[in-house]
Amino acid sequence: MDRTDEQERTGSTPAVPDPRAERTAQRTRRRFARRQWARRWLSLRYVLALLVVVALVGTSVHLVFFSATLQVKRVQVVGNDLLSDARIREVADVPVGEQLALVDLARADARVGALAEVESVDVSRTWPDEVRIAVVERTAVAVVELGGRIRGLDADGVVFREYKRVPPGMPRVRPGAEAGTDALKEAATVVSALPEDLVGRVDHVEVETVDQITLVLRDQREVLWGSAEESALKADVVDKLLAAQQASYYDVSVPGNPTYRP
């Protein structure tokens, strides 16, 4: 007996699918599929991100430490006048062809900074292939004769460059037998404190000890300065004394109580 005969015998009717239930089931299946795909994509996204990071790191490491693109090709020197570019490059000893990231900047800085003519130096990388050496050279405020050679003396009392002859208008420092490096430094401090018009009137500076410094002017008048302490005040006092009093000797070692004699 087939199903139709049975339905006729029992009097039942075939089941009709519910459209709303079917649509609900389809939406459920779609939501489930989307959730499954979202979970798979989330996992895949982390994997892809990791691969990208690894690729970037690997590329960066290769460029910085192995690629010829980031090797030192030039050493630029700026700020120098007394020293030649070649001399500074020689002393810095930056290896051309080395990876820029591996250059020992501190070593180059120390080597160049040890030159007497250099007051300060800054060694830096300039990507992609250059090392830059920026120097500030010392400036002479006076000259001193040492061992038969005329040498420049900067404001810190450092002896550096050599002159063939005394530059016009630059004071000479004449150290005595007991004057050491500290005395030269004191003399440099004194000269640095002098106003420009007074510097031009100074023939030389006699330095016996750190607190026994005397200015000898071009007209042979003398100024006992004493030590370098209160040099700015002493310079102001001397400037006024020279204008107000005609004398052969002035004592400003105690600037609050200056004296002079004909």
Protein backbone atom coordinates (compact mmCIF):
# COMPACT_ATOMS: atom_id res chain seq x y z
CA MET A 1 0.00 0.00 0.00
CA ASP A 2 1.50 3.34 -0.99
CA ARG A 3 1.40 6.59 0.97
CA THR A 4 -1.50 7.98 -1.09
CA ASP A 5 -3.70 4.95 -0.39
CA GLU A 6 -2.80 5.20 3.28
CA GLN A 7 -3.65 8.89 3.37
CA GLU A 8 -6.98 8.16 1.69
CA ARG A 9 -7.74 5.35 4.10
CA THR A 10 -6.78 7.44 7.16
CA GLY A 11 -8.19 10.65 5.79
CA SER A 12 -4.96 12.68 6.57
CA THR A 13 -3.51 15.51 4.38
CA PRO A 14 0.19 16.02 3.48
CA ALA A 15 2.23 18.54 5.67
CA VAL A 16 2.73 21.97 4.11
CA PRO A 17 6.12 23.64 4.92
CA ASP A 18 5.89 26.85 6.97
CA PRO A 19 7.55 29.68 4.90
CA ARG A 20 8.31 31.75 7.99
CA ALA A 21 10.03 28.87 9.71
CA GLU A 22 12.05 28.20 6.57
CA ARG A 23 13.18 31.83 6.38
CA THR A 24 14.10 31.81 10.05
CA ALA A 25 16.17 28.66 9.57
CA GLN A 26 17.96 30.20 6.59
CA ARG A 27 18.79 33.34 8.54
CA THR A 28 20.11 31.22 11.39
CA ARG A 29 22.30 29.25 9.03
CA ARG A 30 23.64 32.46 7.45
CA ARG A 31 24.42 34.00 10.84
CA PHE A 32 26.20 30.84 11.89
CA ALA A 33 28.25 30.84 8.67
CA ARG A 34 29.17 34.49 9.18
CA ARG A 35 30.28 33.84 12.75
CA GLN A 36 32.39 30.92 11.58
CA TRP A 37 34.00 33.02 8.86
CA ALA A 38 34.63 35.89 11.30
CA ARG A 39 36.43 33.58 13.70
CA ARG A 40 38.54 32.14 10.89
CA TRP A 41 39.36 35.65 9.56
CA LEU A 42 40.34 36.87 13.04
CA SER A 43 42.83 34.03 13.38
CA LEU A 44 44.09 34.60 9.86
CA ARG A 45 44.46 38.33 10.47
CA TYR A 46 46.81 37.75 13.40
CA VAL A 47 48.89 35.39 11.29
CA LEU A 48 49.08 37.89 8.42
CA ALA A 49 50.02 40.72 10.80
CA LEU A 50 52.81 38.60 12.28
CA LEU A 51 54.12 37.78 8.81
CA VAL A 52 54.13 41.47 7.87
CA VAL A 53 56.02 42.40 11.05
CA VAL A 54 58.59 39.67 10.48
CA ALA A 55 59.04 40.80 6.88
CA LEU A 56 59.49 44.43 7.90
CA VAL A 57 61.98 43.59 10.64
CA GLY A 58 63.94 41.35 8.33
CA THR A 59 64.05 44.02 5.62
CA SER A 60 65.11 46.67 8.12
CA VAL A 61 67.87 44.51 9.56
CA HIS A 62 69.15 43.77 6.08
CA LEU A 63 69.14 47.46 5.09
CA VAL A 64 70.77 48.73 8.27
CA PHE A 65 73.42 46.05 8.82
CA PHE A 66 74.08 44.47 5.44
CA SER A 67 72.91 46.62 2.55
CA ALA A 68 75.39 48.75 0.61
CA THR A 69 72.71 51.45 0.51
CA LEU A 70 73.40 52.40 4.15
CA GLN A 71 77.19 52.16 4.08
CA VAL A 72 79.35 55.23 4.79
CA LYS A 73 80.22 56.92 1.52
CA ARG A 74 81.12 60.43 2.72
CA VAL A 75 82.52 62.19 5.80
CA GLN A 76 81.43 65.82 5.83
CA VAL A 77 83.41 68.35 7.90
CA VAL A 78 81.96 71.77 8.79
CA GLY A 79 82.95 74.69 11.00
CA ASN A 80 86.69 74.35 10.51
CA ASP A 81 89.15 77.03 9.44
CA LEU A 82 92.43 76.36 11.21
CA LEU A 83 92.31 72.63 10.51
CA SER A 84 91.87 71.19 7.03
CA ASP A 85 89.07 68.78 6.15
CA ALA A 86 91.69 66.13 5.40
CA ARG A 87 93.32 66.53 8.82
CA ILE A 88 90.03 66.16 10.67
CA ARG A 89 89.00 63.14 8.58
CA GLU A 90 92.37 61.54 9.25
CA VAL A 91 92.07 62.01 13.00
CA ALA A 92 88.39 60.98 13.14
CA ASP A 93 89.28 57.75 11.32
CA VAL A 94 85.71 57.02 10.21
CA PRO A 95 85.89 53.87 8.03
CA VAL A 96 84.31 54.55 4.64
CA GLY A 97 82.39 51.47 3.54
CA GLU A 98 81.31 50.46 7.04
CA GLN A 99 77.61 50.24 7.80
CA LEU A 100 76.50 53.68 8.96
CA ALA A 101 74.62 52.22 11.93
CA LEU A 102 77.81 50.57 13.23
CA VAL A 103 80.11 53.60 13.11
CA ASP A 104 81.53 54.40 16.57
CA LEU A 105 80.57 58.07 16.82
CA ALA A 106 81.89 58.45 20.37
CA ARG A 107 85.35 57.29 19.28
CA ALA A 108 85.48 59.77 16.40
CA ASP A 109 84.19 62.52 18.69
CA ALA A 110 86.90 61.85 21.28
CA ARG A 111 89.69 61.74 18.70
CA VAL A 112 88.74 65.03 17.03
CA GLY A 113 87.98 66.69 20.38
CA ALA A 114 91.55 65.92 21.52
CA LEU A 115 92.98 68.29 18.89
CA ALA A 116 94.28 71.46 20.54
CA GLU A 117 92.56 73.67 17.96
CA VAL A 118 89.12 72.19 18.67
CA GLU A 119 86.96 73.71 21.40
CA SER A 120 84.00 71.37 20.81
CA VAL A 121 82.86 68.80 18.27
CA ASP A 122 79.67 66.97 17.36
CA VAL A 123 79.81 63.80 15.25
CA SER A 124 76.50 62.53 13.89
CA ARG A 125 74.96 60.25 11.28
CA THR A 126 73.25 61.73 8.24
CA TRP A 127 71.18 59.03 6.61
CA PRO A 128 71.51 57.23 4.34
CA ASP A 129 75.30 57.26 3.86
CA GLU A 130 77.12 60.17 5.54
CA VAL A 131 78.91 60.99 8.79
CA ARG A 132 78.90 64.71 9.69
CA ILE A 133 81.64 66.24 11.85
CA ALA A 134 80.79 69.73 13.10
CA VAL A 135 83.65 71.47 14.91
CA VAL A 136 83.96 74.72 16.81
CA GLU A 137 87.55 75.90 16.80
CA ARG A 138 89.22 77.90 19.51
CA THR A 139 89.64 81.66 19.15
CA ALA A 140 92.83 83.31 20.35
CA VAL A 141 92.47 86.25 22.74
CA ALA A 142 96.23 86.68 23.19
CA VAL A 143 99.54 85.17 22.14
CA VAL A 144 102.29 83.67 24.25
CA GLU A 145 105.85 82.81 23.28
CA LEU A 146 106.76 79.29 24.35
CA GLY A 147 109.97 77.59 23.31
CA GLY A 148 110.66 80.29 20.75
CA ARG A 149 107.28 79.81 19.06
CA ILE A 150 104.41 82.29 19.08
CA ARG A 151 101.29 80.41 20.13
CA GLY A 152 97.65 81.41 20.40
CA LEU A 153 95.96 81.46 23.82
CA ASP A 154 92.17 81.15 24.01
CA ALA A 155 89.81 82.45 26.70
CA ASP A 156 90.16 79.21 28.68
CA GLY A 157 93.94 79.49 28.78
CA VAL A 158 94.47 76.69 26.25
CA VAL A 159 97.55 77.06 24.05
CA PHE A 160 96.83 75.92 20.51
CA ARG A 161 97.72 77.39 17.12
CA GLU A 162 101.04 78.84 15.99
CA TYR A 163 101.68 82.25 14.42
CA LYS A 164 104.62 83.39 12.33
CA ARG A 165 104.28 86.84 13.92
CA VAL A 166 102.08 88.52 16.51
CA PRO A 167 98.75 89.52 14.89
CA PRO A 168 98.14 93.29 14.95
CA GLY A 169 96.23 94.44 18.02
CA MET A 170 96.50 91.13 19.88
CA PRO A 171 98.02 91.33 23.39
CA ARG A 172 101.06 89.25 24.25
CA VAL A 173 101.28 87.28 27.46
CA ARG A 174 104.72 87.13 29.07
CA PRO A 175 104.83 84.42 31.71
CA GLY A 176 107.41 84.66 34.46
CA ALA A 177 109.64 81.84 35.62
CA GLU A 178 107.10 80.68 38.20
CA ALA A 179 104.02 81.01 36.00
CA GLY A 180 102.41 77.69 35.22
CA THR A 181 99.34 76.66 33.23
CA ASP A 182 97.02 78.03 35.94
CA ALA A 183 98.66 81.44 35.63
CA LEU A 184 98.21 81.39 31.85
CA LYS A 185 94.55 80.55 32.34
CA GLU A 186 94.17 83.50 34.72
CA ALA A 187 95.85 85.81 32.20
CA ALA A 188 93.50 84.62 29.46
CA THR A 189 90.53 85.35 31.71
CA VAL A 190 91.83 88.87 32.31
CA VAL A 191 92.32 89.61 28.60
CA SER A 192 88.87 88.20 27.78
CA ALA A 193 87.29 90.60 30.28
CA LEU A 194 88.87 93.71 28.72
CA PRO A 195 86.64 95.91 26.55
CA GLU A 196 87.69 96.03 22.91
CA ASP A 197 89.08 99.56 23.03
CA LEU A 198 91.25 98.69 26.04
CA VAL A 199 92.54 95.48 24.44
CA GLY A 200 93.91 97.57 21.60
CA ARG A 201 95.90 99.68 24.08
CA VAL A 202 97.56 96.69 25.81
CA ASP A 203 101.08 95.87 24.61
CA HIS A 204 101.57 92.82 26.78
CA VAL A 205 100.46 91.10 29.98
CA GLU A 206 103.09 90.17 32.53
CA VAL A 207 102.20 87.07 34.56
CA GLU A 208 104.30 86.24 37.60
CA THR A 209 101.77 84.10 39.49
CA VAL A 210 98.01 83.52 39.40
CA ASP A 211 97.44 86.63 41.55
CA GLN A 212 100.26 88.80 40.21
CA ILE A 213 99.16 89.92 36.77
CA THR A 214 100.10 93.29 35.28
CA LEU A 215 98.96 94.99 32.08
CA VAL A 216 101.59 97.02 30.26
CA LEU A 217 99.99 99.50 27.86
CA ARG A 218 101.49 100.60 24.57
CA ASP A 219 102.36 103.97 26.10
CA GLN A 220 104.27 102.08 28.85
CA ARG A 221 101.77 102.81 31.61
CA GLU A 222 101.22 99.84 33.89
CA VAL A 223 98.10 98.44 35.53
CA LEU A 224 98.47 96.03 38.44
CA TRP A 225 95.53 93.69 37.98
CA GLY A 226 96.19 91.10 40.65
CA SER A 227 94.21 87.90 40.06
CA ALA A 228 91.47 87.26 37.50
CA GLU A 229 88.77 87.63 40.15
CA GLU A 230 86.28 90.44 39.50
CA SER A 231 87.89 91.07 36.12
CA ALA A 232 84.76 92.64 34.66
CA LEU A 233 84.62 95.17 37.52
CA LYS A 234 88.35 95.84 37.28
CA ALA A 235 88.05 96.50 33.55
CA ASP A 236 85.35 99.08 34.21
CA VAL A 237 87.44 100.76 36.92
CA VAL A 238 90.56 100.87 34.72
CA ASP A 239 88.64 102.31 31.82
CA LYS A 240 87.42 105.20 34.00
CA LEU A 241 90.80 105.74 35.68
CA LEU A 242 92.68 105.97 32.40
CA ALA A 243 90.22 108.58 31.18
CA ALA A 244 90.21 110.64 34.40
CA GLN A 245 93.75 110.35 35.79
CA GLN A 246 97.11 110.78 34.08
CA ALA A 247 99.51 108.43 35.83
CA SER A 248 102.26 105.94 35.08
CA TYR A 249 100.97 103.21 37.39
CA TYR A 250 97.50 102.05 38.38
CA ASP A 251 96.54 99.43 40.94
CA VAL A 252 93.08 97.85 40.58
CA SER A 253 93.87 94.60 42.37
CA VAL A 254 91.24 95.78 44.88
CA PRO A 255 88.69 97.33 42.50
CA GLY A 256 86.71 98.91 45.32
CA ASN A 257 89.79 100.90 46.37
CA PRO A 258 91.92 101.60 43.27
CA THR A 259 95.11 103.61 43.54
CA TYR A 260 97.54 105.25 41.14
CA ARG A 261 100.80 107.16 41.13
CA PRO A 262 102.34 109.65 38.72
